[in-house]
C-alpha cells in the first residue's frame, strides 16, 4: 500500500444540469477552481452513456473494458477521487451504482454518462501536494500515486 497525508481545503456543492457529462463537467469545474486533489460524492439522475463494469478478461493486460449501456433514466449514487494526471490536469475517477425498476448497474463512469434532469455533487478539496495519477505501463491505466 502507498499513502500520503493531507488536509481538507475548500468544499463546493454543485448542481449538474440535464445533459451534463460526468466526469467531464466536474473536472472542468475543478480546473476552473484550481482543485488539484479531492473527493466527490454524487447523487441524482443519469440518463445516457455507458459504464465500465470490469475487464472482459481478468488476466489480459492491458485490460479490455466491459462497457454496459445506460438504457434510460437511472438513479445514481457515486463516489470518486480527483488527482492531477501526468500533465497536471485534474482527473476524476468515479464509480457509481445506478438503479432503475429494481435493477442495479454498477461501474466506473470514466467514459462519460449524461445527467438526466439533474444531479448533485459535493467536491471536497484535499490539500496534499504529492497526489498524482500516473500511467501504469503494464495496464495502461491512470493509477493514483504519490511523489
N, C-alpha and C. Protein backbone atom coordinates (compact mmCIF):
# COMPACT_ATOMS: atom_id res chain seq x y z
N UNK A 1 0.84 -1.17 0.00
CA UNK A 1 0.00 0.00 0.00
C UNK A 1 0.88 1.23 0.00
N UNK A 2 0.39 2.28 -0.66
CA UNK A 2 1.04 3.58 -0.64
C UNK A 2 0.05 4.57 -0.04
N UNK A 3 0.54 5.60 0.64
CA UNK A 3 -0.36 6.57 1.26
C UNK A 3 0.34 7.91 1.40
N UNK A 4 -0.47 8.94 1.58
CA UNK A 4 0.04 10.26 1.89
C UNK A 4 -0.97 10.93 2.82
N UNK A 5 -0.58 12.02 3.41
CA UNK A 5 -1.47 12.75 4.32
C UNK A 5 -1.78 14.12 3.73
N UNK A 6 -3.01 14.57 3.95
CA UNK A 6 -3.42 15.89 3.50
C UNK A 6 -4.45 16.45 4.46
N UNK A 7 -4.94 17.63 4.13
CA UNK A 7 -6.00 18.26 4.92
C UNK A 7 -7.13 18.64 3.98
N UNK A 8 -8.31 18.82 4.56
CA UNK A 8 -9.46 19.24 3.77
C UNK A 8 -9.36 20.73 3.52
N UNK A 9 -9.48 21.11 2.27
CA UNK A 9 -9.46 22.52 1.89
C UNK A 9 -10.88 23.04 1.69
N UNK A 10 -11.13 23.61 0.54
CA UNK A 10 -12.45 24.17 0.24
C UNK A 10 -13.46 23.05 -0.03
N UNK A 11 -14.73 23.38 0.20
CA UNK A 11 -15.82 22.45 -0.08
C UNK A 11 -16.79 23.15 -1.02
N UNK A 12 -17.14 22.46 -2.11
CA UNK A 12 -18.05 23.00 -3.12
C UNK A 12 -19.27 22.11 -3.23
N UNK A 13 -20.42 22.73 -3.44
CA UNK A 13 -21.65 22.00 -3.71
C UNK A 13 -22.07 22.36 -5.12
N UNK A 14 -22.31 21.34 -5.96
CA UNK A 14 -22.62 21.57 -7.36
C UNK A 14 -23.98 20.98 -7.72
N UNK A 15 -24.69 21.65 -8.61
CA UNK A 15 -25.88 21.07 -9.22
C UNK A 15 -25.59 20.89 -10.70
N UNK A 16 -25.57 19.65 -11.14
CA UNK A 16 -25.36 19.34 -12.55
C UNK A 16 -26.70 19.42 -13.26
N UNK A 17 -26.67 19.93 -14.47
CA UNK A 17 -27.89 20.13 -15.25
C UNK A 17 -28.13 18.98 -16.22
N UNK A 18 -29.33 18.90 -16.74
CA UNK A 18 -29.72 17.89 -17.71
C UNK A 18 -28.74 17.87 -18.88
N UNK A 19 -28.16 16.70 -19.16
CA UNK A 19 -27.24 16.55 -20.28
C UNK A 19 -25.78 16.78 -19.95
N UNK A 20 -25.45 17.28 -18.74
CA UNK A 20 -24.06 17.46 -18.37
C UNK A 20 -23.35 16.11 -18.36
N UNK A 21 -22.13 16.08 -18.90
CA UNK A 21 -21.34 14.85 -18.93
C UNK A 21 -20.54 14.69 -17.64
N UNK A 22 -20.59 13.48 -17.10
CA UNK A 22 -19.80 13.11 -15.93
C UNK A 22 -18.76 12.11 -16.42
N UNK A 23 -17.49 12.29 -16.15
CA UNK A 23 -16.88 13.19 -15.18
C UNK A 23 -16.47 14.56 -15.74
N UNK A 24 -16.67 14.80 -17.05
CA UNK A 24 -16.16 15.99 -17.71
C UNK A 24 -16.51 17.30 -17.00
N UNK A 25 -17.79 17.49 -16.65
CA UNK A 25 -18.19 18.78 -16.07
C UNK A 25 -17.58 19.00 -14.69
N UNK A 26 -17.38 17.93 -13.93
CA UNK A 26 -16.76 18.07 -12.61
C UNK A 26 -15.27 18.36 -12.75
N UNK A 27 -14.62 17.71 -13.73
CA UNK A 27 -13.21 18.00 -13.99
C UNK A 27 -13.03 19.45 -14.45
N UNK A 28 -13.93 19.94 -15.30
CA UNK A 28 -13.86 21.33 -15.76
C UNK A 28 -14.00 22.29 -14.58
N UNK A 29 -14.95 22.02 -13.69
CA UNK A 29 -15.13 22.85 -12.51
C UNK A 29 -13.85 22.84 -11.66
N UNK A 30 -13.26 21.66 -11.47
CA UNK A 30 -12.02 21.55 -10.69
C UNK A 30 -10.91 22.38 -11.31
N UNK A 31 -10.80 22.34 -12.65
CA UNK A 31 -9.77 23.16 -13.33
C UNK A 31 -10.03 24.65 -13.09
N UNK A 32 -11.29 25.07 -13.23
CA UNK A 32 -11.63 26.49 -13.05
C UNK A 32 -11.33 26.97 -11.64
N UNK A 33 -11.52 26.13 -10.64
CA UNK A 33 -11.29 26.49 -9.24
C UNK A 33 -9.90 26.08 -8.74
N UNK A 34 -9.08 25.52 -9.65
CA UNK A 34 -7.73 25.09 -9.30
C UNK A 34 -7.72 24.06 -8.17
N UNK A 35 -8.65 23.10 -8.26
CA UNK A 35 -8.69 21.98 -7.32
C UNK A 35 -7.87 20.85 -7.93
N UNK A 36 -6.75 20.54 -7.34
CA UNK A 36 -5.87 19.50 -7.88
C UNK A 36 -6.19 18.12 -7.33
N UNK A 37 -6.65 18.05 -6.09
CA UNK A 37 -6.98 16.77 -5.47
C UNK A 37 -8.24 16.94 -4.65
N UNK A 38 -9.05 15.89 -4.59
CA UNK A 38 -10.26 15.96 -3.80
C UNK A 38 -11.08 14.70 -3.92
N UNK A 39 -12.19 14.69 -3.21
CA UNK A 39 -13.13 13.58 -3.36
C UNK A 39 -14.50 14.15 -3.70
N UNK A 40 -15.29 13.33 -4.38
CA UNK A 40 -16.60 13.74 -4.87
C UNK A 40 -17.64 12.74 -4.41
N UNK A 41 -18.74 13.26 -3.90
CA UNK A 41 -19.94 12.47 -3.60
C UNK A 41 -21.01 12.93 -4.59
N UNK A 42 -21.72 11.98 -5.19
CA UNK A 42 -22.65 12.28 -6.27
C UNK A 42 -23.98 11.57 -6.05
N UNK A 43 -25.09 12.32 -6.22
CA UNK A 43 -26.43 11.71 -6.22
C UNK A 43 -27.25 12.39 -7.31
N UNK A 44 -28.26 11.70 -7.79
CA UNK A 44 -29.14 12.31 -8.78
C UNK A 44 -29.56 11.34 -9.84
N UNK A 45 -29.63 11.84 -11.08
CA UNK A 45 -30.11 11.04 -12.19
C UNK A 45 -29.10 10.95 -13.32
N UNK A 46 -29.01 9.76 -13.92
CA UNK A 46 -28.18 9.51 -15.09
C UNK A 46 -29.12 9.02 -16.19
N UNK A 47 -28.93 9.55 -17.41
CA UNK A 47 -29.87 9.20 -18.47
C UNK A 47 -29.30 8.53 -19.69
N UNK A 48 -28.00 8.61 -19.91
CA UNK A 48 -27.42 8.04 -21.13
C UNK A 48 -25.94 7.80 -20.93
N UNK A 49 -25.35 7.01 -21.82
CA UNK A 49 -23.93 6.72 -21.78
C UNK A 49 -23.70 5.26 -21.50
N UNK A 50 -22.50 4.96 -20.99
CA UNK A 50 -22.16 3.60 -20.62
C UNK A 50 -21.19 3.62 -19.44
N UNK A 51 -21.18 2.53 -18.69
CA UNK A 51 -20.27 2.40 -17.56
C UNK A 51 -19.32 1.24 -17.81
N UNK A 52 -18.14 1.34 -17.24
CA UNK A 52 -17.18 0.25 -17.30
C UNK A 52 -17.51 -0.69 -16.14
N UNK A 53 -17.90 -1.91 -16.48
CA UNK A 53 -18.33 -2.87 -15.46
C UNK A 53 -17.32 -4.00 -15.29
N UNK A 54 -16.07 -3.69 -15.50
CA UNK A 54 -15.00 -4.67 -15.31
C UNK A 54 -14.27 -4.95 -16.60
N UNK A 55 -13.19 -5.68 -16.51
CA UNK A 55 -12.50 -6.10 -17.73
C UNK A 55 -13.19 -7.33 -18.33
N UNK A 56 -13.11 -7.48 -19.64
CA UNK A 56 -13.67 -8.67 -20.29
C UNK A 56 -12.94 -9.93 -19.84
N UNK A 57 -11.64 -9.82 -19.66
CA UNK A 57 -10.79 -10.94 -19.27
C UNK A 57 -9.93 -10.47 -18.11
N UNK A 58 -9.96 -11.18 -16.99
CA UNK A 58 -9.25 -10.70 -15.80
C UNK A 58 -7.75 -10.95 -15.84
N UNK A 59 -7.23 -11.59 -16.90
CA UNK A 59 -5.80 -11.86 -16.99
C UNK A 59 -5.12 -10.94 -18.01
N UNK A 60 -5.79 -10.63 -19.11
CA UNK A 60 -5.19 -9.87 -20.21
C UNK A 60 -4.77 -8.46 -19.77
N UNK A 61 -3.59 -8.04 -20.23
CA UNK A 61 -3.09 -6.68 -19.99
C UNK A 61 -2.64 -6.10 -21.31
N UNK A 62 -2.98 -4.89 -21.63
CA UNK A 62 -3.88 -4.04 -20.85
C UNK A 62 -5.31 -4.58 -20.90
N UNK A 63 -6.11 -4.27 -19.89
CA UNK A 63 -7.47 -4.80 -19.83
C UNK A 63 -8.37 -4.23 -20.92
N UNK A 64 -9.25 -5.06 -21.44
CA UNK A 64 -10.26 -4.65 -22.41
C UNK A 64 -11.53 -4.34 -21.61
N UNK A 65 -11.95 -3.06 -21.53
CA UNK A 65 -13.07 -2.72 -20.66
C UNK A 65 -14.40 -3.31 -21.15
N UNK A 66 -15.18 -3.81 -20.23
CA UNK A 66 -16.52 -4.29 -20.49
C UNK A 66 -17.47 -3.11 -20.29
N UNK A 67 -18.03 -2.58 -21.38
CA UNK A 67 -18.92 -1.42 -21.31
C UNK A 67 -20.37 -1.87 -21.32
N UNK A 68 -21.14 -1.35 -20.38
CA UNK A 68 -22.57 -1.64 -20.33
C UNK A 68 -23.34 -0.34 -20.53
N UNK A 69 -24.35 -0.36 -21.43
CA UNK A 69 -25.09 0.86 -21.72
C UNK A 69 -26.05 1.24 -20.61
N UNK A 70 -26.26 2.54 -20.47
CA UNK A 70 -27.29 3.06 -19.58
C UNK A 70 -28.54 3.23 -20.45
N UNK A 71 -29.54 2.40 -20.22
CA UNK A 71 -30.70 2.33 -21.10
C UNK A 71 -31.90 3.13 -20.60
N UNK A 72 -31.69 4.41 -20.33
CA UNK A 72 -32.76 5.26 -19.84
C UNK A 72 -32.43 5.83 -18.48
N UNK A 73 -33.31 6.69 -17.96
CA UNK A 73 -33.04 7.36 -16.68
C UNK A 73 -32.86 6.37 -15.52
N UNK A 74 -31.80 6.60 -14.76
CA UNK A 74 -31.47 5.81 -13.58
C UNK A 74 -31.17 6.75 -12.42
N UNK A 75 -31.47 6.30 -11.22
CA UNK A 75 -30.98 6.98 -10.02
C UNK A 75 -29.51 6.64 -9.89
N UNK A 76 -28.72 7.55 -9.32
CA UNK A 76 -27.29 7.28 -9.17
C UNK A 76 -26.80 7.74 -7.80
N UNK A 77 -25.89 6.97 -7.26
CA UNK A 77 -25.09 7.39 -6.13
C UNK A 77 -23.66 7.01 -6.47
N UNK A 78 -22.75 7.94 -6.29
CA UNK A 78 -21.37 7.68 -6.70
C UNK A 78 -20.37 8.36 -5.80
N UNK A 79 -19.14 7.89 -5.91
CA UNK A 79 -18.04 8.47 -5.15
C UNK A 79 -16.79 8.40 -6.03
N UNK A 80 -15.95 9.43 -5.91
CA UNK A 80 -14.77 9.44 -6.74
C UNK A 80 -13.64 10.25 -6.12
N UNK A 81 -12.47 10.13 -6.75
CA UNK A 81 -11.28 10.87 -6.33
C UNK A 81 -10.73 11.66 -7.50
N UNK A 82 -10.35 12.89 -7.24
CA UNK A 82 -9.70 13.75 -8.23
C UNK A 82 -8.22 13.81 -7.89
N UNK A 83 -7.39 13.67 -8.91
CA UNK A 83 -5.95 13.86 -8.76
C UNK A 83 -5.41 14.30 -10.12
N UNK A 84 -4.32 15.07 -10.14
CA UNK A 84 -3.78 15.53 -11.41
C UNK A 84 -3.11 14.40 -12.19
N UNK A 85 -3.28 14.42 -13.52
CA UNK A 85 -2.65 13.42 -14.38
C UNK A 85 -1.19 13.79 -14.64
N UNK A 86 -0.55 13.06 -15.54
CA UNK A 86 0.87 13.30 -15.86
C UNK A 86 1.12 14.73 -16.31
N UNK A 87 0.11 15.37 -16.92
CA UNK A 87 0.25 16.74 -17.39
C UNK A 87 -0.20 17.80 -16.40
N UNK A 88 -0.64 17.38 -15.20
CA UNK A 88 -1.07 18.33 -14.18
C UNK A 88 -2.54 18.70 -14.25
N UNK A 89 -3.33 18.02 -15.10
CA UNK A 89 -4.76 18.30 -15.23
C UNK A 89 -5.54 17.44 -14.25
N UNK A 90 -6.46 18.03 -13.46
CA UNK A 90 -7.23 17.23 -12.52
C UNK A 90 -8.14 16.23 -13.25
N UNK A 91 -8.06 14.96 -12.85
CA UNK A 91 -8.86 13.88 -13.44
C UNK A 91 -9.65 13.19 -12.35
N UNK A 92 -10.93 12.95 -12.65
CA UNK A 92 -11.84 12.31 -11.70
C UNK A 92 -12.01 10.84 -12.04
N UNK A 93 -11.76 9.98 -11.08
CA UNK A 93 -12.06 8.55 -11.18
C UNK A 93 -13.28 8.34 -10.30
N UNK A 94 -14.42 8.04 -10.92
CA UNK A 94 -15.68 7.96 -10.18
C UNK A 94 -16.42 6.67 -10.52
N UNK A 95 -16.88 5.99 -9.46
CA UNK A 95 -17.71 4.80 -9.63
C UNK A 95 -19.10 5.11 -9.10
N UNK A 96 -20.09 4.48 -9.71
CA UNK A 96 -21.44 4.73 -9.28
C UNK A 96 -22.30 3.48 -9.34
N UNK A 97 -23.35 3.49 -8.54
CA UNK A 97 -24.38 2.46 -8.60
C UNK A 97 -25.62 3.14 -9.16
N UNK A 98 -26.11 2.63 -10.28
CA UNK A 98 -27.25 3.19 -10.97
C UNK A 98 -28.42 2.23 -10.83
N UNK A 99 -29.57 2.74 -10.45
CA UNK A 99 -30.73 1.89 -10.25
C UNK A 99 -31.92 2.33 -11.08
N UNK A 100 -32.67 1.32 -11.57
CA UNK A 100 -33.90 1.58 -12.33
C UNK A 100 -34.78 0.35 -12.25
N UNK A 101 -36.00 0.54 -11.81
CA UNK A 101 -37.01 -0.52 -11.80
C UNK A 101 -36.53 -1.78 -11.08
N UNK A 102 -35.83 -1.60 -9.99
CA UNK A 102 -35.37 -2.74 -9.20
C UNK A 102 -34.09 -3.39 -9.68
N UNK A 103 -33.50 -2.89 -10.75
CA UNK A 103 -32.23 -3.41 -11.26
C UNK A 103 -31.12 -2.41 -10.99
N UNK A 104 -29.92 -2.94 -10.75
CA UNK A 104 -28.77 -2.09 -10.45
C UNK A 104 -27.65 -2.33 -11.45
N UNK A 105 -27.06 -1.25 -11.91
CA UNK A 105 -25.90 -1.26 -12.79
C UNK A 105 -24.80 -0.52 -12.05
N UNK A 106 -23.68 -1.18 -11.83
CA UNK A 106 -22.60 -0.58 -11.07
C UNK A 106 -21.33 -0.58 -11.90
N UNK A 107 -20.60 0.54 -11.86
CA UNK A 107 -19.35 0.58 -12.60
C UNK A 107 -18.71 1.95 -12.57
N UNK A 108 -17.65 2.06 -13.36
CA UNK A 108 -16.88 3.29 -13.47
C UNK A 108 -17.54 4.20 -14.50
N UNK A 109 -17.70 5.46 -14.15
CA UNK A 109 -18.33 6.44 -15.05
C UNK A 109 -17.28 7.14 -15.90
N UNK A 110 -16.12 6.53 -16.06
CA UNK A 110 -14.99 7.16 -16.72
C UNK A 110 -15.27 7.51 -18.17
N UNK A 111 -16.05 6.74 -18.89
CA UNK A 111 -16.30 7.02 -20.30
C UNK A 111 -17.33 8.11 -20.52
N UNK A 112 -17.88 8.62 -19.46
CA UNK A 112 -18.84 9.71 -19.57
C UNK A 112 -20.26 9.20 -19.65
N UNK A 113 -21.07 9.68 -18.77
CA UNK A 113 -22.51 9.46 -18.79
C UNK A 113 -23.16 10.82 -18.71
N UNK A 114 -24.38 10.91 -19.19
CA UNK A 114 -25.09 12.18 -19.17
C UNK A 114 -26.07 12.25 -18.01
N UNK A 115 -26.07 13.41 -17.38
CA UNK A 115 -27.03 13.66 -16.32
C UNK A 115 -28.43 13.66 -16.90
N UNK A 116 -29.36 13.01 -16.19
CA UNK A 116 -30.77 13.09 -16.55
C UNK A 116 -31.43 14.05 -15.57
N UNK A 117 -32.00 15.10 -16.07
CA UNK A 117 -32.68 16.15 -15.31
C UNK A 117 -31.71 16.92 -14.41
N UNK A 118 -31.17 16.26 -13.38
CA UNK A 118 -30.20 16.94 -12.52
C UNK A 118 -29.45 15.92 -11.68
N UNK A 119 -28.31 16.34 -11.19
CA UNK A 119 -27.56 15.57 -10.19
C UNK A 119 -26.91 16.59 -9.26
N UNK A 120 -26.57 16.13 -8.09
CA UNK A 120 -25.93 16.98 -7.10
C UNK A 120 -24.61 16.34 -6.69
N UNK A 121 -23.61 17.18 -6.46
CA UNK A 121 -22.30 16.66 -6.08
C UNK A 121 -21.70 17.56 -5.00
N UNK A 122 -20.93 16.94 -4.13
CA UNK A 122 -20.12 17.66 -3.16
C UNK A 122 -18.68 17.35 -3.53
N UNK A 123 -17.90 18.40 -3.74
CA UNK A 123 -16.48 18.28 -4.05
C UNK A 123 -15.70 18.83 -2.87
N UNK A 124 -14.95 17.97 -2.20
CA UNK A 124 -14.10 18.38 -1.08
C UNK A 124 -12.65 18.36 -1.54
N UNK A 125 -12.04 19.52 -1.50
CA UNK A 125 -10.65 19.64 -1.88
C UNK A 125 -9.75 19.00 -0.83
N UNK A 126 -8.75 18.25 -1.30
CA UNK A 126 -7.74 17.68 -0.41
C UNK A 126 -6.43 18.41 -0.70
N UNK A 127 -5.88 19.04 0.31
CA UNK A 127 -4.61 19.74 0.17
C UNK A 127 -3.50 18.75 0.50
N UNK A 128 -2.92 18.19 -0.58
CA UNK A 128 -1.85 17.20 -0.45
C UNK A 128 -1.03 17.27 -1.73
N UNK A 129 0.11 17.88 -1.68
CA UNK A 129 0.90 18.15 -2.87
C UNK A 129 1.45 16.95 -3.59
N UNK A 130 1.47 15.79 -2.98
CA UNK A 130 2.14 14.66 -3.60
C UNK A 130 1.22 13.71 -4.36
N UNK A 131 -0.07 13.98 -4.41
CA UNK A 131 -1.03 13.09 -5.08
C UNK A 131 -0.97 13.29 -6.59
N UNK A 132 -0.87 12.18 -7.34
CA UNK A 132 -0.81 12.22 -8.80
C UNK A 132 -1.48 10.98 -9.38
N UNK A 133 -1.89 11.09 -10.65
CA UNK A 133 -2.31 9.93 -11.44
C UNK A 133 -1.22 9.69 -12.47
N UNK A 134 -0.64 8.51 -12.42
CA UNK A 134 0.44 8.18 -13.35
C UNK A 134 0.01 6.98 -14.20
N UNK A 135 0.37 7.02 -15.46
CA UNK A 135 0.03 5.92 -16.36
C UNK A 135 0.87 4.70 -16.03
N UNK A 136 0.20 3.61 -15.71
CA UNK A 136 0.85 2.34 -15.41
C UNK A 136 1.23 1.67 -16.73
N UNK A 137 2.50 1.34 -16.90
CA UNK A 137 2.98 0.78 -18.17
C UNK A 137 2.35 -0.57 -18.48
N UNK A 138 2.13 -1.39 -17.49
CA UNK A 138 1.59 -2.74 -17.71
C UNK A 138 0.12 -2.71 -18.12
N UNK A 139 -0.68 -1.91 -17.41
CA UNK A 139 -2.13 -1.92 -17.66
C UNK A 139 -2.60 -0.81 -18.58
N UNK A 140 -1.80 0.27 -18.68
CA UNK A 140 -2.24 1.43 -19.44
C UNK A 140 -3.22 2.31 -18.67
N UNK A 141 -3.53 1.93 -17.43
CA UNK A 141 -4.48 2.69 -16.62
C UNK A 141 -3.77 3.82 -15.89
N UNK A 142 -4.54 4.86 -15.58
CA UNK A 142 -4.04 6.00 -14.84
C UNK A 142 -4.25 5.73 -13.35
N UNK A 143 -3.18 5.39 -12.65
CA UNK A 143 -3.28 4.97 -11.25
C UNK A 143 -2.84 6.07 -10.28
N UNK A 144 -3.47 6.08 -9.13
CA UNK A 144 -3.12 7.02 -8.07
C UNK A 144 -1.72 6.69 -7.57
N UNK A 145 -0.89 7.74 -7.43
CA UNK A 145 0.48 7.57 -6.96
C UNK A 145 0.87 8.79 -6.14
N UNK A 146 1.98 8.67 -5.45
CA UNK A 146 2.46 9.74 -4.58
C UNK A 146 3.93 10.00 -4.86
N UNK A 147 4.32 11.27 -4.81
CA UNK A 147 5.74 11.64 -5.05
C UNK A 147 6.60 11.17 -3.91
